[in-house]
Amino acid sequence: MSAIPVADDVLDAGVPVLELAQVAREIGLSVNKVRQLLRDGQLLAVRRDGDLMVPADFLVDGQVVKGLTGLLTVLADAGFSRTEMLRWLYEADESLPGTTPINALRTNHGTEVKRRAQAMAF
């Protein structure tokens, strides 16, 4: 089994994170399926106190935030590392509804977030 890629923990200490078991319960999958989502680049995780953790902001209403998986693919195609992706998702941008890309995604402004990510690739 391949190792799960992990982003450096560049999150502010106040950003809530969930253990993989919590993520699995929240989205109705097994922990192994959550690990597969991480390996496939459909979610990002950090390591805190030795445990893999996923930002709680990546989930809403029992699902992965709409558009997150596609956005991560766009960022990966643009050459972003997982740490750079995480940093970008939480970077303040007052011109976005929600003030950060992840908050804009959570409030159904994914088209604008994805457009900006695509623009960075060129």
C-alpha atoms as a PDB file:
ATOM      1  CA  MET A   1       0.000   0.000   0.000  1.00  0.00           C
ATOM      2  CA  SER A   2       1.352   3.420  -0.914  1.00  0.00           C
ATOM      3  CA  ALA A   3       2.036   6.055   1.685  1.00  0.00           C
ATOM      4  CA  ILE A   4      -0.487   8.827   2.179  1.00  0.00           C
ATOM      5  CA  PRO A   5       0.910  12.189   1.054  1.00  0.00           C
ATOM      6  CA  VAL A   6       0.679  14.784   3.795  1.00  0.00           C
ATOM      7  CA  ALA A   7       0.855  18.575   3.646  1.00  0.00           C
ATOM      8  CA  ASP A   8       2.972  20.459   6.161  1.00  0.00           C
ATOM      9  CA  ASP A   9       0.774  21.822   8.931  1.00  0.00           C
ATOM     10  CA  VAL A  10       0.672  25.456   7.815  1.00  0.00           C
ATOM     11  CA  LEU A  11      -2.783  25.985   9.308  1.00  0.00           C
ATOM     12  CA  ASP A  12      -3.388  28.438  12.113  1.00  0.00           C
ATOM     13  CA  ALA A  13      -3.808  26.639  15.416  1.00  0.00           C
ATOM     14  CA  GLY A  14      -7.452  27.765  15.496  1.00  0.00           C
ATOM     15  CA  VAL A  15      -8.404  25.946  12.291  1.00  0.00           C
ATOM     16  CA  PRO A  16     -10.425  22.898  13.353  1.00  0.00           C
ATOM     17  CA  VAL A  17      -9.219  19.542  12.073  1.00  0.00           C
ATOM     18  CA  LEU A  18     -10.760  16.073  12.153  1.00  0.00           C
ATOM     19  CA  GLU A  19      -9.165  12.669  12.615  1.00  0.00           C
ATOM     20  CA  LEU A  20      -9.675  10.280   9.716  1.00  0.00           C
ATOM     21  CA  ALA A  21     -12.231   8.276  11.701  1.00  0.00           C
ATOM     22  CA  GLN A  22     -14.262  11.452  12.235  1.00  0.00           C
ATOM     23  CA  VAL A  23     -14.070  12.283   8.518  1.00  0.00           C
ATOM     24  CA  ALA A  24     -15.178   8.749   7.672  1.00  0.00           C
ATOM     25  CA  ARG A  25     -18.208   8.988   9.987  1.00  0.00           C
ATOM     26  CA  GLU A  26     -19.095  12.443   8.680  1.00  0.00           C
ATOM     27  CA  ILE A  27     -19.130  11.447   4.999  1.00  0.00           C
ATOM     28  CA  GLY A  28     -20.315   7.875   5.463  1.00  0.00           C
ATOM     29  CA  LEU A  29     -17.228   6.059   4.195  1.00  0.00           C
ATOM     30  CA  SER A  30     -14.734   3.686   5.774  1.00  0.00           C
ATOM     31  CA  VAL A  31     -11.430   5.010   7.067  1.00  0.00           C
ATOM     32  CA  ASN A  32      -9.717   3.054   4.273  1.00  0.00           C
ATOM     33  CA  LYS A  33     -11.815   4.925   1.677  1.00  0.00           C
ATOM     34  CA  VAL A  34     -10.836   8.234   3.293  1.00  0.00           C
ATOM     35  CA  ARG A  35      -7.177   7.193   3.090  1.00  0.00           C
ATOM     36  CA  GLN A  36      -7.741   6.411  -0.603  1.00  0.00           C
ATOM     37  CA  LEU A  37      -9.219   9.902  -1.137  1.00  0.00           C
ATOM     38  CA  LEU A  38      -6.042  11.323   0.402  1.00  0.00           C
ATOM     39  CA  ARG A  39      -3.790   9.138  -1.770  1.00  0.00           C
ATOM     40  CA  ASP A  40      -5.771  10.131  -4.870  1.00  0.00           C
ATOM     41  CA  GLY A  41      -5.427  13.839  -4.073  1.00  0.00           C
ATOM     42  CA  GLN A  42      -9.157  14.331  -3.517  1.00  0.00           C
ATOM     43  CA  LEU A  43      -8.570  15.533   0.048  1.00  0.00           C
ATOM     44  CA  LEU A  44      -5.615  17.008   1.925  1.00  0.00           C
ATOM     45  CA  ALA A  45      -4.323  16.016   5.337  1.00  0.00           C
ATOM     46  CA  VAL A  46      -1.780  17.334   7.804  1.00  0.00           C
ATOM     47  CA  ARG A  47      -0.051  15.497  10.609  1.00  0.00           C
ATOM     48  CA  ARG A  48      -0.708  16.815  14.128  1.00  0.00           C
ATOM     49  CA  ASP A  49       0.643  15.063  17.177  1.00  0.00           C
ATOM     50  CA  GLY A  50       1.428  12.058  14.991  1.00  0.00           C
ATOM     51  CA  ASP A  51      -2.122  11.689  13.642  1.00  0.00           C
ATOM     52  CA  LEU A  52      -3.434  12.430  10.158  1.00  0.00           C
ATOM     53  CA  MET A  53      -5.976  15.236  10.281  1.00  0.00           C
ATOM     54  CA  VAL A  54      -8.224  16.790   7.644  1.00  0.00           C
ATOM     55  CA  PRO A  55      -9.379  20.412   7.983  1.00  0.00           C
ATOM     56  CA  ALA A  56     -13.016  20.414   9.110  1.00  0.00           C
ATOM     57  CA  ASP A  57     -13.674  23.172   6.544  1.00  0.00           C
ATOM     58  CA  PHE A  58     -13.312  20.540   3.807  1.00  0.00           C
ATOM     59  CA  LEU A  59     -16.628  18.976   4.839  1.00  0.00           C
ATOM     60  CA  VAL A  60     -20.141  20.389   4.833  1.00  0.00           C
ATOM     61  CA  ASP A  61     -23.473  18.667   5.385  1.00  0.00           C
ATOM     62  CA  GLY A  62     -21.924  15.201   5.455  1.00  0.00           C
ATOM     63  CA  GLN A  63     -20.003  15.623   2.197  1.00  0.00           C
ATOM     64  CA  VAL A  64     -16.709  16.895   0.869  1.00  0.00           C
ATOM     65  CA  VAL A  65     -17.185  20.561  -0.052  1.00  0.00           C
ATOM     66  CA  LYS A  66     -18.518  20.831  -3.589  1.00  0.00           C
ATOM     67  CA  GLY A  67     -15.731  21.710  -6.000  1.00  0.00           C
ATOM     68  CA  LEU A  68     -12.846  20.932  -3.630  1.00  0.00           C
ATOM     69  CA  THR A  69     -11.721  17.781  -5.416  1.00  0.00           C
ATOM     70  CA  GLY A  70     -11.676  19.496  -8.823  1.00  0.00           C
ATOM     71  CA  LEU A  71      -9.891  22.510  -7.373  1.00  0.00           C
ATOM     72  CA  LEU A  72      -7.182  20.294  -5.868  1.00  0.00           C
ATOM     73  CA  THR A  73      -6.702  18.705  -9.295  1.00  0.00           C
ATOM     74  CA  VAL A  74      -6.350  22.136 -10.931  1.00  0.00           C
ATOM     75  CA  LEU A  75      -3.804  23.199  -8.316  1.00  0.00           C
ATOM     76  CA  ALA A  76      -1.861  19.938  -8.684  1.00  0.00           C
ATOM     77  CA  ASP A  77      -1.808  20.394 -12.468  1.00  0.00           C
ATOM     78  CA  ALA A  78      -0.446  23.910 -11.887  1.00  0.00           C
ATOM     79  CA  GLY A  79       2.467  22.365  -9.975  1.00  0.00           C
ATOM     80  CA  PHE A  80       1.359  23.195  -6.442  1.00  0.00           C
ATOM     81  CA  SER A  81       2.597  20.927  -3.677  1.00  0.00           C
ATOM     82  CA  ARG A  82       0.039  19.788  -1.099  1.00  0.00           C
ATOM     83  CA  THR A  83       1.456  22.304   1.369  1.00  0.00           C
ATOM     84  CA  GLU A  84       1.147  25.122  -1.188  1.00  0.00           C
ATOM     85  CA  MET A  85      -2.442  24.056  -1.915  1.00  0.00           C
ATOM     86  CA  LEU A  86      -3.338  24.169   1.759  1.00  0.00           C
ATOM     87  CA  ARG A  87      -1.664  27.538   2.231  1.00  0.00           C
ATOM     88  CA  TRP A  88      -3.501  28.958  -0.828  1.00  0.00           C
ATOM     89  CA  LEU A  89      -6.892  27.616   0.326  1.00  0.00           C
ATOM     90  CA  TYR A  90      -6.556  29.465   3.645  1.00  0.00           C
ATOM     91  CA  GLU A  91      -4.873  32.634   2.339  1.00  0.00           C
ATOM     92  CA  ALA A  92      -6.930  35.758   2.991  1.00  0.00           C
ATOM     93  CA  ASP A  93      -8.322  37.374  -0.158  1.00  0.00           C
ATOM     94  CA  GLU A  94     -10.750  40.199   0.532  1.00  0.00           C
ATOM     95  CA  SER A  95     -11.868  40.203  -3.116  1.00  0.00           C
ATOM     96  CA  LEU A  96     -13.420  36.739  -2.691  1.00  0.00           C
ATOM     97  CA  PRO A  97     -16.809  36.147  -1.109  1.00  0.00           C
ATOM     98  CA  GLY A  98     -15.913  34.488   2.192  1.00  0.00           C
ATOM     99  CA  THR A  99     -12.416  36.072   2.335  1.00  0.00           C
ATOM    100  CA  THR A 100     -10.492  32.822   1.685  1.00  0.00           C
ATOM    101  CA  PRO A 101     -10.743  30.327  -1.186  1.00  0.00           C
ATOM    102  CA  ILE A 102     -11.981  27.541   1.128  1.00  0.00           C
ATOM    103  CA  ASN A 103     -14.689  29.777   2.590  1.00  0.00           C
ATOM    104  CA  ALA A 104     -15.717  30.879  -0.902  1.00  0.00           C
ATOM    105  CA  LEU A 105     -16.042  27.206  -1.895  1.00  0.00           C
ATOM    106  CA  ARG A 106     -18.135  26.521   1.190  1.00  0.00           C
ATOM    107  CA  THR A 107     -20.513  29.344   0.222  1.00  0.00           C
ATOM    108  CA  ASN A 108     -21.048  28.116  -3.352  1.00  0.00           C
ATOM    109  CA  HIS A 109     -18.598  30.451  -5.075  1.00  0.00           C
ATOM    110  CA  GLY A 110     -16.529  27.622  -6.503  1.00  0.00           C
ATOM    111  CA  THR A 111     -16.560  28.925 -10.075  1.00  0.00           C
ATOM    112  CA  GLU A 112     -14.668  32.070  -9.083  1.00  0.00           C
ATOM    113  CA  VAL A 113     -12.198  30.113  -6.945  1.00  0.00           C
ATOM    114  CA  LYS A 114     -11.529  27.603  -9.726  1.00  0.00           C
ATOM    115  CA  ARG A 115     -11.127  30.411 -12.279  1.00  0.00           C
ATOM    116  CA  ARG A 116      -8.435  32.007 -10.111  1.00  0.00           C
ATOM    117  CA  ALA A 117      -6.681  28.686  -9.654  1.00  0.00           C
ATOM    118  CA  GLN A 118      -6.704  28.079 -13.416  1.00  0.00           C
ATOM    119  CA  ALA A 119      -5.303  31.571 -14.030  1.00  0.00           C
ATOM    120  CA  MET A 120      -2.356  30.820 -11.726  1.00  0.00           C
ATOM    121  CA  ALA A 121      -1.422  27.869 -13.927  1.00  0.00           C
ATOM    122  CA  PHE A 122      -0.504  30.151 -16.827  1.00  0.00           C
END
